[in-house]
N, C-alpha and C. Protein backbone atom coordinates (compact mmCIF):
# COMPACT_ATOMS: atom_id res chain seq x y z
N MET A 1 -94.86 75.26 2.90
CA MET A 1 -95.59 74.57 1.85
C MET A 1 -94.86 73.24 1.58
N PRO A 2 -95.57 72.14 1.61
CA PRO A 2 -94.94 70.84 1.36
C PRO A 2 -94.40 70.75 -0.08
N ILE A 3 -93.33 70.00 -0.22
CA ILE A 3 -92.67 69.88 -1.53
C ILE A 3 -93.56 69.17 -2.55
N TRP A 4 -94.44 68.27 -2.10
CA TRP A 4 -95.27 67.55 -3.05
C TRP A 4 -96.29 68.49 -3.70
N ILE A 5 -96.67 69.53 -3.01
CA ILE A 5 -97.60 70.52 -3.60
C ILE A 5 -96.88 71.29 -4.71
N VAL A 6 -95.62 71.62 -4.48
CA VAL A 6 -94.83 72.31 -5.51
C VAL A 6 -94.71 71.43 -6.74
N PHE A 7 -94.38 70.15 -6.54
CA PHE A 7 -94.27 69.23 -7.68
C PHE A 7 -95.61 69.07 -8.40
N ALA A 8 -96.69 69.00 -7.64
CA ALA A 8 -98.02 68.87 -8.25
C ALA A 8 -98.35 70.11 -9.08
N GLU A 9 -97.97 71.29 -8.59
CA GLU A 9 -98.22 72.51 -9.35
C GLU A 9 -97.39 72.56 -10.63
N ILE A 10 -96.14 72.12 -10.56
CA ILE A 10 -95.29 72.09 -11.75
C ILE A 10 -95.85 71.13 -12.78
N ILE A 11 -96.20 69.93 -12.36
CA ILE A 11 -96.76 68.94 -13.29
C ILE A 11 -98.08 69.42 -13.85
N GLY A 12 -98.93 69.99 -13.01
CA GLY A 12 -100.21 70.53 -13.48
C GLY A 12 -100.01 71.66 -14.47
N GLY A 13 -99.04 72.51 -14.23
CA GLY A 13 -98.74 73.61 -15.15
C GLY A 13 -98.26 73.09 -16.50
N LEU A 14 -97.40 72.07 -16.49
CA LEU A 14 -96.92 71.50 -17.75
C LEU A 14 -98.06 70.83 -18.52
N LEU A 15 -98.91 70.11 -17.81
CA LEU A 15 -100.05 69.47 -18.48
C LEU A 15 -101.01 70.51 -19.04
N GLY A 16 -101.24 71.57 -18.28
CA GLY A 16 -102.11 72.65 -18.75
C GLY A 16 -101.54 73.34 -19.97
N PHE A 17 -100.23 73.58 -19.97
CA PHE A 17 -99.59 74.20 -21.13
C PHE A 17 -99.69 73.31 -22.35
N GLY A 18 -99.48 72.00 -22.17
CA GLY A 18 -99.62 71.06 -23.28
C GLY A 18 -101.03 71.03 -23.83
N ALA A 19 -102.01 71.07 -22.95
CA ALA A 19 -103.41 71.08 -23.39
C ALA A 19 -103.72 72.37 -24.15
N LEU A 20 -103.19 73.49 -23.69
CA LEU A 20 -103.41 74.77 -24.39
C LEU A 20 -102.79 74.74 -25.79
N VAL A 21 -101.57 74.24 -25.90
CA VAL A 21 -100.91 74.16 -27.21
C VAL A 21 -101.69 73.22 -28.13
N ASP A 22 -102.16 72.10 -27.61
CA ASP A 22 -102.94 71.16 -28.41
C ASP A 22 -104.25 71.79 -28.87
N TYR A 23 -104.90 72.54 -27.98
CA TYR A 23 -106.16 73.21 -28.33
C TYR A 23 -105.94 74.23 -29.45
N ILE A 24 -104.87 75.02 -29.34
CA ILE A 24 -104.58 76.03 -30.36
C ILE A 24 -104.26 75.37 -31.69
N ALA A 25 -103.49 74.27 -31.66
CA ALA A 25 -103.15 73.57 -32.90
C ALA A 25 -104.40 73.01 -33.57
N LYS A 26 -105.32 72.46 -32.79
CA LYS A 26 -106.55 71.93 -33.36
C LYS A 26 -107.44 73.05 -33.89
N LYS A 27 -107.47 74.17 -33.18
CA LYS A 27 -108.31 75.29 -33.60
C LYS A 27 -107.82 75.88 -34.92
N ARG A 28 -106.51 75.93 -35.11
CA ARG A 28 -105.93 76.48 -36.33
C ARG A 28 -105.74 75.43 -37.42
N CYS A 29 -106.19 74.21 -37.17
CA CYS A 29 -106.09 73.08 -38.12
C CYS A 29 -104.63 72.82 -38.52
N ILE A 30 -103.75 72.85 -37.56
CA ILE A 30 -102.35 72.54 -37.80
C ILE A 30 -102.17 71.04 -37.65
N GLU A 31 -101.70 70.39 -38.72
CA GLU A 31 -101.47 68.95 -38.67
C GLU A 31 -100.00 68.70 -38.40
N LEU A 32 -99.72 67.88 -37.41
CA LEU A 32 -98.35 67.55 -37.05
C LEU A 32 -98.08 66.11 -37.48
N ASP A 33 -97.50 65.96 -38.66
CA ASP A 33 -97.23 64.64 -39.21
C ASP A 33 -95.74 64.35 -39.10
N PRO A 34 -95.34 63.32 -38.37
CA PRO A 34 -93.91 63.03 -38.22
C PRO A 34 -93.23 62.71 -39.55
N GLU A 35 -93.96 62.11 -40.48
CA GLU A 35 -93.36 61.77 -41.78
C GLU A 35 -93.00 63.05 -42.55
N GLU A 36 -93.77 64.10 -42.39
CA GLU A 36 -93.46 65.37 -43.05
C GLU A 36 -92.23 66.01 -42.41
N GLY A 37 -92.11 65.89 -41.09
CA GLY A 37 -90.99 66.50 -40.39
C GLY A 37 -89.66 65.88 -40.78
N ILE A 38 -89.63 64.58 -41.01
CA ILE A 38 -88.37 63.91 -41.34
C ILE A 38 -87.89 64.30 -42.74
N LYS A 39 -88.79 64.74 -43.60
CA LYS A 39 -88.40 65.16 -44.95
C LYS A 39 -87.54 66.42 -44.90
N ASN A 40 -87.71 67.23 -43.86
CA ASN A 40 -86.95 68.47 -43.75
C ASN A 40 -85.61 68.27 -43.05
N ALA A 41 -85.34 67.07 -42.57
CA ALA A 41 -84.09 66.80 -41.87
C ALA A 41 -82.98 66.52 -42.88
N SER A 42 -81.74 66.79 -42.47
CA SER A 42 -80.60 66.50 -43.34
C SER A 42 -80.36 64.99 -43.36
N ASP A 43 -79.53 64.56 -44.31
CA ASP A 43 -79.21 63.13 -44.40
C ASP A 43 -78.55 62.62 -43.12
N ALA A 44 -77.67 63.43 -42.55
CA ALA A 44 -76.97 63.03 -41.33
C ALA A 44 -77.96 62.86 -40.18
N GLU A 45 -78.94 63.75 -40.07
CA GLU A 45 -79.94 63.64 -39.00
C GLU A 45 -80.80 62.40 -39.19
N GLN A 46 -81.17 62.10 -40.44
CA GLN A 46 -81.97 60.91 -40.70
C GLN A 46 -81.20 59.64 -40.34
N ILE A 47 -79.92 59.59 -40.70
CA ILE A 47 -79.10 58.42 -40.39
C ILE A 47 -78.95 58.27 -38.88
N TYR A 48 -78.71 59.38 -38.19
CA TYR A 48 -78.56 59.34 -36.73
C TYR A 48 -79.83 58.80 -36.07
N VAL A 49 -80.98 59.30 -36.48
CA VAL A 49 -82.25 58.87 -35.87
C VAL A 49 -82.51 57.40 -36.17
N GLU A 50 -82.24 56.97 -37.41
CA GLU A 50 -82.47 55.56 -37.75
C GLU A 50 -81.54 54.65 -36.95
N ASN A 51 -80.28 55.04 -36.77
CA ASN A 51 -79.35 54.24 -35.97
C ASN A 51 -79.78 54.19 -34.52
N TYR A 52 -80.23 55.32 -33.99
CA TYR A 52 -80.69 55.36 -32.61
C TYR A 52 -81.90 54.44 -32.41
N LEU A 53 -82.86 54.50 -33.32
CA LEU A 53 -84.04 53.66 -33.20
C LEU A 53 -83.68 52.18 -33.31
N TYR A 54 -82.74 51.85 -34.20
CA TYR A 54 -82.31 50.46 -34.36
C TYR A 54 -81.64 49.96 -33.09
N GLN A 55 -80.75 50.79 -32.51
CA GLN A 55 -80.06 50.39 -31.28
C GLN A 55 -81.04 50.23 -30.12
N THR A 56 -82.02 51.11 -30.04
CA THR A 56 -83.03 51.00 -28.99
C THR A 56 -83.83 49.72 -29.14
N LYS A 57 -84.19 49.41 -30.38
CA LYS A 57 -84.95 48.18 -30.64
C LYS A 57 -84.12 46.95 -30.27
N GLU A 58 -82.84 46.94 -30.61
CA GLU A 58 -81.98 45.83 -30.28
C GLU A 58 -81.80 45.69 -28.76
N ASN A 59 -81.64 46.81 -28.07
CA ASN A 59 -81.49 46.75 -26.60
C ASN A 59 -82.76 46.21 -25.96
N ASN A 60 -83.93 46.58 -26.46
CA ASN A 60 -85.18 46.08 -25.90
C ASN A 60 -85.36 44.59 -26.16
N ASN A 61 -84.86 44.11 -27.29
CA ASN A 61 -84.99 42.68 -27.60
C ASN A 61 -84.12 41.84 -26.68
N HIS A 62 -83.02 42.38 -26.17
CA HIS A 62 -82.15 41.62 -25.29
C HIS A 62 -82.75 41.44 -23.90
N PHE A 63 -83.65 42.32 -23.51
CA PHE A 63 -84.23 42.24 -22.17
C PHE A 63 -85.48 41.38 -22.12
N GLN A 64 -85.96 40.91 -23.22
CA GLN A 64 -87.20 40.13 -23.21
C GLN A 64 -86.94 38.72 -22.94
């Protein structure tokens, strides 16, 4: 069996699993709001994420 078929099956399986999870979430009316998720994070986690996003933004500005 060629290796590209194996990779295609893995990618197809991941996409199918993602679609199934999305379908179940929509069926059960589960809302995934990132702003709600950050409220449950500790102060240290919030600071870490904000620093990471700032550094990523700065790195992207240097390449333009």
